[in-house]
Amino acid sequence: MVAIAPDMADGVVKFVQGNEYPFSLLADADHVVFDAYDVVSTVMSLGQRPALFVVDREGVVRFDSIGIQQWQIPSNDNVLAVLSSLP
């Protein structure tokens, strides 16, 4: 599992300082990944839209959720159910 932030590497380093995450947080300063998955900024979202994707080992997207606001992130139970259904 990785998280991808639309920020420079030094911004990501500052963000994670003092916080432990059980996954890696990667920088996407040029929005290459964000653009590939159509996660773009909108006026409604006041910045970057929250998005979550489950991609299997073959690179197939098995689950996606792109919201408008931060509270639209899927629940952990929902995501864990998707993960447990993968072979």
Protein backbone atom coordinates (compact mmCIF):
# COMPACT_ATOMS: atom_id res chain seq x y z
CA MET A 1 0.00 0.00 0.00
CA VAL A 2 1.25 3.46 -0.87
CA ALA A 3 -0.19 6.95 -0.65
CA ILE A 4 0.60 9.46 -3.35
CA ALA A 5 0.61 13.18 -2.65
CA PRO A 6 0.46 15.96 -5.26
CA ASP A 7 3.50 17.63 -3.75
CA MET A 8 7.26 17.96 -4.00
CA ALA A 9 9.40 15.41 -2.14
CA ASP A 10 10.38 17.95 0.55
CA GLY A 11 6.70 18.72 1.16
CA VAL A 12 5.99 15.03 1.69
CA VAL A 13 8.94 14.75 4.10
CA LYS A 14 7.61 17.69 6.13
CA PHE A 15 4.11 16.21 6.16
CA VAL A 16 5.19 12.85 7.57
CA GLN A 17 7.65 14.21 10.15
CA GLY A 18 6.38 13.30 13.59
CA ASN A 19 3.70 11.00 12.19
CA GLU A 20 4.09 7.28 11.73
CA TYR A 21 2.34 5.77 8.74
CA PRO A 22 2.11 2.02 8.09
CA PHE A 23 2.70 2.67 4.39
CA SER A 24 4.92 4.76 2.14
CA LEU A 25 3.92 8.25 1.07
CA LEU A 26 5.25 9.16 -2.37
CA ALA A 27 5.49 12.56 -4.06
CA ASP A 28 3.83 13.23 -7.42
CA ALA A 29 4.96 16.81 -8.02
CA ASP A 30 4.28 16.63 -11.76
CA HIS A 31 0.84 14.99 -11.26
CA VAL A 32 1.76 12.08 -13.52
CA VAL A 33 -0.09 9.51 -11.39
CA PHE A 34 -2.93 11.90 -10.56
CA ASP A 35 -3.48 12.63 -14.24
CA ALA A 36 -3.27 8.94 -15.19
CA TYR A 37 -6.07 8.13 -12.73
CA ASP A 38 -8.07 11.31 -13.50
CA VAL A 39 -7.73 12.75 -9.99
CA VAL A 40 -7.78 16.45 -10.75
CA SER A 41 -8.34 19.54 -8.65
CA THR A 42 -11.75 21.15 -8.81
CA VAL A 43 -13.18 24.33 -7.37
CA MET A 44 -15.74 22.24 -5.46
CA SER A 45 -13.04 20.26 -3.65
CA LEU A 46 -11.03 23.31 -2.56
CA GLY A 47 -7.89 21.55 -3.75
CA GLN A 48 -7.06 17.97 -4.63
CA ARG A 49 -9.91 15.49 -4.71
CA PRO A 50 -9.66 12.51 -2.35
CA ALA A 51 -9.16 9.29 -4.26
CA LEU A 52 -8.52 5.67 -3.39
CA PHE A 53 -7.71 2.85 -5.80
CA VAL A 54 -7.11 -0.85 -5.24
CA VAL A 55 -4.88 -2.18 -8.02
CA ASP A 56 -4.13 -5.90 -8.16
CA ARG A 57 -0.78 -7.51 -8.97
CA GLU A 58 -1.63 -7.56 -12.67
CA GLY A 59 -2.27 -3.81 -12.65
CA VAL A 60 -6.07 -4.10 -12.89
CA VAL A 61 -8.04 -1.52 -10.90
CA ARG A 62 -10.37 -3.60 -8.69
CA PHE A 63 -11.87 -0.69 -6.75
CA ASP A 64 -11.95 3.05 -7.18
CA SER A 65 -13.41 5.96 -5.32
CA ILE A 66 -12.92 9.59 -6.32
CA GLY A 67 -14.71 12.07 -4.09
CA ILE A 68 -15.24 15.78 -4.08
CA GLN A 69 -14.50 16.38 -0.38
CA GLN A 70 -12.27 14.63 2.19
CA TRP A 71 -15.21 13.05 4.03
CA GLN A 72 -15.99 11.01 0.91
CA ILE A 73 -13.12 8.59 1.49
CA PRO A 74 -14.41 4.97 1.71
CA SER A 75 -14.48 3.33 5.11
CA ASN A 76 -11.66 1.03 6.20
CA ASP A 77 -14.15 -1.86 6.37
CA ASN A 78 -15.17 -1.27 2.76
CA VAL A 79 -11.57 -1.18 1.53
CA LEU A 80 -10.54 -4.19 3.63
CA ALA A 81 -13.44 -6.19 2.16
CA VAL A 82 -12.20 -5.40 -1.35
CA LEU A 83 -8.64 -6.35 -0.40
CA SER A 84 -9.73 -9.63 1.17
CA SER A 85 -11.61 -10.56 -2.01
CA LEU A 86 -8.43 -10.39 -4.11
CA PRO A 87 -6.74 -13.69 -5.00
